[in-house]
Protein backbone atom coordinates (compact mmCIF):
# COMPACT_ATOMS: atom_id res chain seq x y z
CA MET A 1 -23.31 -3.69 -13.67
CA HIS A 2 -19.72 -2.42 -13.60
CA LYS A 3 -17.87 -2.68 -16.90
CA PHE A 4 -14.34 -4.07 -16.82
CA VAL A 5 -11.77 -2.72 -19.27
CA ASP A 6 -8.62 -4.82 -19.72
CA ILE A 7 -5.26 -3.08 -20.28
CA TRP A 8 -4.14 -5.80 -22.71
CA ASP A 9 -7.24 -5.27 -24.87
CA GLU A 10 -6.84 -1.48 -24.77
CA ALA A 11 -3.19 -1.70 -25.85
CA ILE A 12 -4.18 -3.42 -29.09
CA LYS A 13 -6.37 -0.43 -30.02
CA VAL A 14 -3.56 2.14 -29.82
CA SER A 15 -2.54 3.35 -33.28
CA PRO A 16 1.11 3.42 -34.42
CA GLU A 17 0.77 7.19 -34.90
CA ILE A 18 0.23 7.67 -31.18
CA TYR A 19 3.34 5.68 -30.35
CA ARG A 20 5.33 7.73 -32.89
CA HIS A 21 4.09 10.93 -31.27
CA GLU A 22 5.08 9.66 -27.82
CA TYR A 23 8.52 8.68 -29.09
CA GLN A 24 9.05 12.14 -30.58
CA GLU A 25 7.87 13.76 -27.35
CA ARG A 26 10.37 11.72 -25.36
CA GLU A 27 13.25 12.66 -27.63
CA ALA A 28 12.30 16.36 -27.47
CA ARG A 29 12.07 16.35 -23.67
CA VAL A 30 15.44 14.64 -23.27
CA ARG A 31 17.07 17.16 -25.64
CA LYS A 32 15.45 20.06 -23.79
CA PHE A 33 16.79 18.86 -20.45
CA GLU A 34 20.29 18.09 -21.71
CA ALA A 35 20.53 21.52 -23.34
CA GLY A 36 19.04 23.30 -20.31
CA ASP A 37 16.60 24.98 -22.69
CA TYR A 38 14.30 26.44 -20.03
CA HIS A 39 12.85 29.89 -19.39
CA PRO A 40 12.71 30.30 -15.59
CA GLY A 41 9.61 32.18 -14.48
CA ALA A 42 7.62 31.53 -17.65
CA ILE A 43 4.09 30.20 -17.09
CA ARG A 44 3.34 27.11 -19.17
CA SER A 45 0.53 24.59 -19.41
CA ALA A 46 0.02 21.03 -20.63
CA ASN A 47 -3.20 19.15 -21.18
CA GLU A 48 -4.57 15.68 -21.82
CA ARG A 49 -8.00 14.31 -22.63
CA TRP A 50 -9.53 11.83 -20.19
CA ASP A 51 -9.27 9.15 -22.87
CA GLY A 52 -5.71 10.24 -23.67
CA GLN A 53 -2.90 9.95 -21.12
CA PRO A 54 -3.95 12.06 -18.08
CA HIS A 55 -2.20 9.56 -15.81
CA ARG A 56 1.10 10.79 -17.21
CA PHE A 57 0.88 13.85 -14.93
CA PHE A 58 2.38 13.49 -11.46
CA ILE A 59 2.91 15.83 -8.54
CA VAL A 60 6.10 15.81 -6.49
CA LYS A 61 5.64 17.03 -2.92
CA THR A 62 8.84 17.99 -1.10
CA GLY A 63 8.39 19.91 2.12
CA GLU A 64 5.88 22.70 1.54
CA GLN A 65 6.47 22.83 -2.22
CA SER A 66 4.73 21.04 -5.07
CA PHE A 67 6.08 20.43 -8.54
CA VAL A 68 4.44 18.86 -11.57
CA GLY A 69 5.84 16.44 -14.09
CA SER A 70 4.76 14.46 -17.12
CA LYS A 71 5.80 10.89 -17.89
CA ILE A 72 7.54 10.02 -21.14
CA LEU A 73 7.52 6.80 -23.14
CA SER A 74 9.29 3.99 -21.29
CA ASP A 75 12.08 1.81 -22.66
CA ILE A 76 10.09 -1.18 -21.43
CA VAL A 77 7.50 -0.29 -24.07
CA THR A 78 9.83 0.62 -26.95
CA LYS A 79 12.31 -2.22 -26.46
CA HIS A 80 10.03 -5.05 -25.36
CA GLY A 81 6.47 -4.21 -26.44
CA SER A 82 4.92 -4.01 -22.99
CA PRO A 83 1.33 -2.63 -23.07
CA GLY A 84 0.75 1.02 -22.25
CA PHE A 85 3.24 3.87 -22.53
CA PHE A 86 4.89 4.48 -19.18
CA CYS A 87 6.64 2.68 -16.33
CA SER A 88 6.99 3.65 -12.68
CA LYS A 89 10.30 5.53 -13.00
CA ILE A 90 10.61 9.30 -12.54
CA SER A 91 13.67 11.11 -13.90
CA SER A 92 14.74 14.75 -14.20
CA GLU A 93 13.63 15.35 -17.79
CA MET A 94 10.05 14.49 -16.77
CA ILE A 95 9.74 17.38 -14.29
CA LEU A 96 7.98 20.34 -15.91
CA GLY A 97 8.25 22.97 -13.17
CA ARG A 98 6.64 24.41 -10.04
CA LEU A 99 2.93 23.55 -9.90
CA GLU A 100 0.59 26.54 -10.04
CA TYR A 101 -2.85 25.04 -10.72
CA PHE A 102 -4.59 22.16 -12.37
CA GLN A 103 -8.00 22.42 -13.97
CA THR A 104 -10.39 19.62 -14.94
CA SER A 105 -13.28 19.74 -17.39
CA GLN A 106 -15.60 17.36 -19.17
CA GLU A 107 -12.94 16.90 -21.84
CA GLY A 108 -9.88 16.36 -19.68
CA VAL A 109 -7.27 18.01 -17.49
CA GLU A 110 -4.83 20.91 -17.83
CA VAL A 111 -1.88 21.63 -15.55
CA PHE A 112 -0.28 25.06 -15.15
CA TYR A 113 3.30 25.45 -13.99
CA THR A 114 6.22 27.86 -13.76
CA GLU A 115 9.33 26.77 -15.62
CA MET A 116 12.55 26.40 -13.64
CA GLU A 117 16.18 26.33 -14.61
CA LYS A 118 17.86 22.95 -15.09
CA ARG A 119 19.68 23.25 -11.77
CA GLY A 120 16.35 23.74 -9.98
CA ILE A 121 14.89 20.64 -11.62
CA GLU A 122 17.89 18.59 -10.55
CA ALA A 123 17.42 19.91 -7.00
CA VAL A 124 13.80 18.71 -6.99
CA LEU A 125 14.87 15.17 -7.82
CA ALA A 126 17.66 15.29 -5.23
CA SER A 127 15.20 16.48 -2.57
CA LEU A 128 12.80 13.70 -3.53
CA LYS A 129 15.52 11.11 -2.99
CA ALA A 130 16.68 12.58 0.32
CA SER A 131 13.39 13.11 2.17
CA ALA A 132 11.43 10.40 3.98
CA THR A 133 8.23 12.45 3.65
CA ALA A 134 8.58 13.43 -0.03
CA GLU A 135 5.95 11.86 -2.25
CA ILE A 136 5.05 11.25 -5.89
CA HIS A 137 1.30 11.49 -6.44
CA TYR A 138 -0.77 10.81 -9.57
CA PRO A 139 -4.04 12.76 -9.27
CA PHE A 140 -5.66 11.71 -12.56
CA VAL A 141 -6.80 8.41 -14.05
CA GLN A 142 -7.47 7.50 -17.66
CA LEU A 143 -11.15 7.09 -18.61
CA VAL A 144 -11.86 5.08 -21.76
CA GLY A 145 -14.79 4.03 -23.92
CA ALA A 146 -18.25 5.50 -24.29
CA ASP A 147 -18.90 4.87 -20.60
CA LYS A 148 -15.72 6.73 -19.54
CA VAL A 149 -14.50 4.04 -17.13
CA GLU A 150 -11.13 3.25 -15.59
CA ILE A 151 -9.04 0.42 -17.01
CA ASN A 152 -8.96 -2.44 -14.52
CA THR A 153 -8.76 -6.20 -14.12
CA PRO A 154 -11.63 -8.36 -15.46
CA GLY A 155 -13.65 -10.22 -12.83
CA ASN A 156 -11.82 -13.52 -13.32
CA GLY A 157 -8.40 -11.92 -13.70
CA TRP A 158 -6.12 -11.52 -16.70
CA HIS A 159 -5.53 -14.24 -19.25
CA ILE A 160 -1.86 -15.19 -19.06
CA ASP A 161 0.54 -16.90 -21.44
CA GLU A 162 4.33 -17.17 -21.70
CA HIS A 163 4.67 -13.90 -23.64
CA ARG A 164 2.52 -11.89 -21.23
CA ALA A 165 4.30 -13.45 -18.25
CA HIS A 166 7.63 -12.34 -19.73
CA LEU A 167 6.40 -8.75 -20.21
CA LEU A 168 4.98 -8.60 -16.68
CA GLY A 169 8.33 -9.74 -15.32
CA LEU A 170 10.27 -7.12 -17.27
CA GLY A 171 8.19 -4.30 -15.81
CA GLU A 172 9.20 -5.09 -12.24
CA ILE A 173 12.87 -6.08 -12.41
CA TYR A 174 14.08 -3.05 -10.44
CA LEU A 175 11.07 -3.21 -8.10
CA ARG A 176 11.93 -6.79 -7.17
CA ARG A 177 15.48 -5.69 -6.39
CA LEU A 178 14.25 -2.83 -4.19
CA SER A 179 11.96 -5.24 -2.36
CA ALA A 180 14.76 -7.73 -1.71
CA CYS A 181 16.92 -4.87 -0.40
CA PHE A 182 14.12 -3.74 1.92
CA LEU A 183 14.09 -7.17 3.56
CA ASN A 184 17.74 -6.61 4.54
CA ASN A 185 16.35 -4.27 7.22
CA LEU A 186 14.25 -7.01 8.85
CA ASN A 187 14.87 -10.20 10.77
CA THR A 188 13.78 -12.57 8.00
CA ARG A 189 13.90 -15.83 9.94
CA ASN A 190 10.40 -17.36 9.66
CA LEU A 191 9.09 -14.04 8.32
CA VAL A 192 5.66 -14.64 6.76
CA VAL A 193 5.36 -12.67 3.51
CA TYR A 194 2.02 -12.31 1.72
CA ASP A 195 1.43 -11.16 -1.85
CA PRO A 196 -2.36 -10.80 -2.31
CA ALA A 197 -2.07 -10.45 -6.11
CA CYS A 198 0.91 -12.67 -6.79
CA SER A 199 0.49 -12.85 -10.58
CA THR A 200 2.95 -15.38 -12.08
CA GLY A 201 4.74 -15.91 -8.75
CA GLN A 202 8.02 -14.51 -10.04
CA PHE A 203 8.08 -11.78 -7.38
CA LEU A 204 7.78 -14.18 -4.43
CA PHE A 205 10.14 -16.67 -6.06
CA GLU A 206 12.96 -14.15 -6.43
CA LEU A 207 12.29 -12.72 -2.97
CA LYS A 208 12.78 -16.16 -1.42
CA GLN A 209 15.90 -16.75 -3.49
CA ALA A 210 17.37 -13.62 -1.88
CA HIS A 211 16.02 -14.47 1.60
CA PRO A 212 15.59 -18.25 2.01
CA GLY A 213 14.36 -17.93 5.61
CA ILE A 214 11.02 -16.34 4.70
CA TYR A 215 7.69 -18.17 4.25
CA THR A 216 5.81 -16.96 1.18
CA ILE A 217 2.04 -16.92 0.58
CA GLY A 218 0.63 -15.97 -2.81
CA GLN A 219 -2.96 -15.33 -3.83
CA ASP A 220 -4.48 -14.22 -7.13
CA ILE A 221 -7.96 -13.82 -8.53
CA SER A 222 -6.82 -15.56 -11.73
CA ALA A 223 -6.64 -19.35 -11.73
CA ASP A 224 -4.39 -19.07 -14.81
CA MET A 225 -1.93 -16.96 -12.83
CA ILE A 226 -1.84 -19.45 -9.97
CA ARG A 227 -1.09 -22.26 -12.42
CA PHE A 228 1.87 -20.20 -13.66
CA ALA A 229 2.93 -19.63 -10.04
CA GLU A 230 2.98 -23.32 -9.06
CA GLY A 231 6.23 -24.18 -7.30
CA LYS A 232 7.20 -20.51 -6.85
CA ALA A 233 5.76 -19.93 -3.36
CA ASP A 234 5.35 -21.95 -0.18
CA GLU A 235 1.58 -21.52 -0.29
CA LEU A 236 -0.75 -20.50 -3.14
CA HIS A 237 -4.45 -19.65 -3.25
CA VAL A 238 -6.98 -18.66 -5.91
CA GLY A 239 -9.34 -15.92 -4.77
CA ASP A 240 -10.33 -12.26 -4.67
CA SER A 241 -8.19 -10.26 -2.24
CA LEU A 242 -11.36 -8.76 -0.80
CA HIS A 243 -11.40 -12.16 0.91
CA PRO A 244 -7.75 -12.80 1.79
CA LYS A 245 -6.79 -16.38 2.62
CA PRO A 246 -4.33 -15.81 5.52
CA ALA A 247 -5.83 -15.60 8.98
CA GLU A 248 -6.26 -12.25 10.72
CA LYS A 249 -2.98 -10.90 12.15
CA SER A 250 -0.97 -13.88 10.87
CA VAL A 251 1.35 -12.13 8.38
CA ASP A 252 4.55 -10.16 9.06
CA LEU A 253 4.92 -8.40 5.71
CA ILE A 254 2.54 -7.64 2.84
CA PHE A 255 3.54 -6.49 -0.63
CA PHE A 256 0.77 -4.56 -2.38
CA ARG A 257 1.60 -4.67 -6.10
CA PHE A 258 -1.93 -4.26 -7.39
CA LEU A 259 -3.51 -1.16 -5.84
CA ASN A 260 -2.59 0.59 -9.05
CA ALA A 261 -4.07 2.33 -12.05
CA GLU A 262 -5.00 -0.05 -14.88
CA VAL A 263 -5.25 -2.90 -12.36
CA VAL A 264 -8.10 -1.86 -10.03
CA SER A 265 -10.36 1.18 -9.89
CA ARG A 266 -9.65 4.06 -7.53
CA SER A 267 -12.86 3.35 -5.59
CA LYS A 268 -11.95 -0.30 -5.03
CA ALA A 269 -8.33 0.27 -4.01
CA LEU A 270 -9.08 1.39 -0.45
CA ASP A 271 -11.56 -1.47 0.11
CA LEU A 272 -8.93 -3.97 -0.99
CA PHE A 273 -6.30 -2.35 1.21
CA ARG A 274 -8.50 -2.55 4.29
CA SER A 275 -9.43 -6.18 3.66
CA VAL A 276 -5.85 -7.34 3.19
CA MET A 277 -4.43 -5.30 6.08
CA ARG A 278 -6.52 -7.35 8.52
CA CYS A 279 -4.05 -10.18 7.87
CA LEU A 280 -1.08 -8.09 9.07
CA LYS A 281 0.23 -8.45 12.60
CA ASP A 282 0.43 -5.39 14.82
CA GLY A 283 3.82 -3.85 14.12
CA GLY A 284 4.03 -5.62 10.77
CA TYR A 285 5.09 -3.89 7.56
CA ALA A 286 3.43 -3.35 4.20
CA VAL A 287 4.99 -2.05 0.99
CA LEU A 288 3.01 -0.49 -1.87
CA PHE A 289 4.38 -0.03 -5.39
CA GLY A 290 3.70 -1.06 -8.97
CA HIS A 291 4.44 -0.68 -12.66
CA THR A 292 1.55 1.81 -12.89
CA PRO A 293 0.61 4.58 -10.40
CA VAL A 294 -0.31 3.63 -6.83
CA LEU A 295 -3.91 4.75 -6.27
CA LEU A 296 -3.57 5.50 -2.55
CA ASN A 297 -1.61 8.39 -1.07
CA ARG A 298 0.26 9.19 2.13
CA SER A 299 -2.68 11.02 3.72
CA GLU A 300 -4.99 8.05 3.17
CA LEU A 301 -2.45 5.64 4.63
CA LEU A 302 -2.02 7.85 7.70
CA GLY A 303 -5.80 8.03 7.97
CA GLU A 304 -5.92 4.23 8.11
CA GLY A 305 -3.80 4.30 11.25
CA CYS A 306 -0.51 3.38 9.58
CA ARG A 307 2.92 4.81 10.24
CA VAL A 308 4.41 5.91 6.91
CA HIS A 309 8.17 5.43 6.94
CA SER A 310 8.79 6.52 3.35
CA CYS A 311 6.98 7.06 0.05
CA VAL A 312 9.67 6.68 -2.61
CA ALA A 313 12.81 4.72 -3.39
CA THR A 314 15.79 5.32 -5.66
CA VAL A 315 16.55 2.87 -8.47
CA GLU A 316 20.08 1.88 -9.50
CA ASP A 317 19.97 4.15 -12.56
CA GLY A 318 19.19 7.22 -10.41
CA SER A 319 15.48 7.40 -11.19
CA VAL A 320 12.85 7.45 -8.44
CA VAL A 321 9.71 5.33 -7.99
CA GLN A 322 6.73 5.22 -5.68
CA PHE A 323 7.63 2.78 -2.89
CA TYR A 324 5.49 3.25 0.21
CA VAL A 325 6.82 1.55 3.34
CA ILE A 326 4.21 1.55 6.09
CA GLN A 327 3.84 -0.10 9.47
CA LYS A 328 0.72 -1.20 11.28
CA GLU A 329 0.52 0.47 14.67
CA GLY A 330 1.31 -1.87 17.55
CA GLU A 331 4.26 -3.82 18.86
CA HIS A 332 7.20 -3.47 16.47
CA ARG A 333 8.73 -6.41 14.66
CA GLU A 334 12.34 -7.19 15.65
CA GLN A 335 14.88 -5.59 13.33
CA ALA A 336 17.81 -7.43 11.78
């Protein structure tokens, strides 16, 4: 029987010393970047245990080049007490250098990279923002407990209360804005929008506030979540997204906000994607993002017969996030 490990439960176990270490690491990295204290050409390495923070490492692919970075403690955690350590944003001080190798072992993972000058790091971020094919990829997941399993959602979903709902909302403020902006590119009149893991319903509610012409459908495995979402979507359903409620090819746009680390396992993510995509009309769009790393990558999405329009988006503060915009092959939806 598969063991579920809840992110909220795991967060309680983290010692204050670990948070202090992460805070110090963030301050040191920011100072290093601001001072330009780099040694171009020097080979460096960084490592994490599987039960540490291996999901902090990300790879930036721009053209034929690959660079490696390491997340730092997020303000969402330090200012508001959100569980975990990181958010979805990537900024310049997180980029370590040009990727050389990564090595895994029973204990964990180590990445090897060549340091670059500050100007080169800034160029990497600029290239990431400018290219439709550039991608941020997270190759490693955290494995916790004696069984070394991924953190994911319990079988009946997360327990939710007002405090948790508030924290969940804080983690996606800028992602909701990006999503509303994306809809500016579409003809939204009678556009059917489906969120197969709608959580508290705040995402669909704010999306409809920005675009009143859309019809919103929310579904969540948690009955508690759906009770929180009452009145925030045109249609709500309780149920596992392996069995989506909308009819086949009945939806114009799907937002995947749950195919992410600490929400589902890597092995389940593709199964969920395939199940939900059956609801999408030919030519319809899907968007994948989340507070934690997206578990699918561009190659997998192309392999599923999707057209990948872009993989990242730029936030108002200049940081970059995973934001996959894909289209199901077939007749194209009318543009705005």
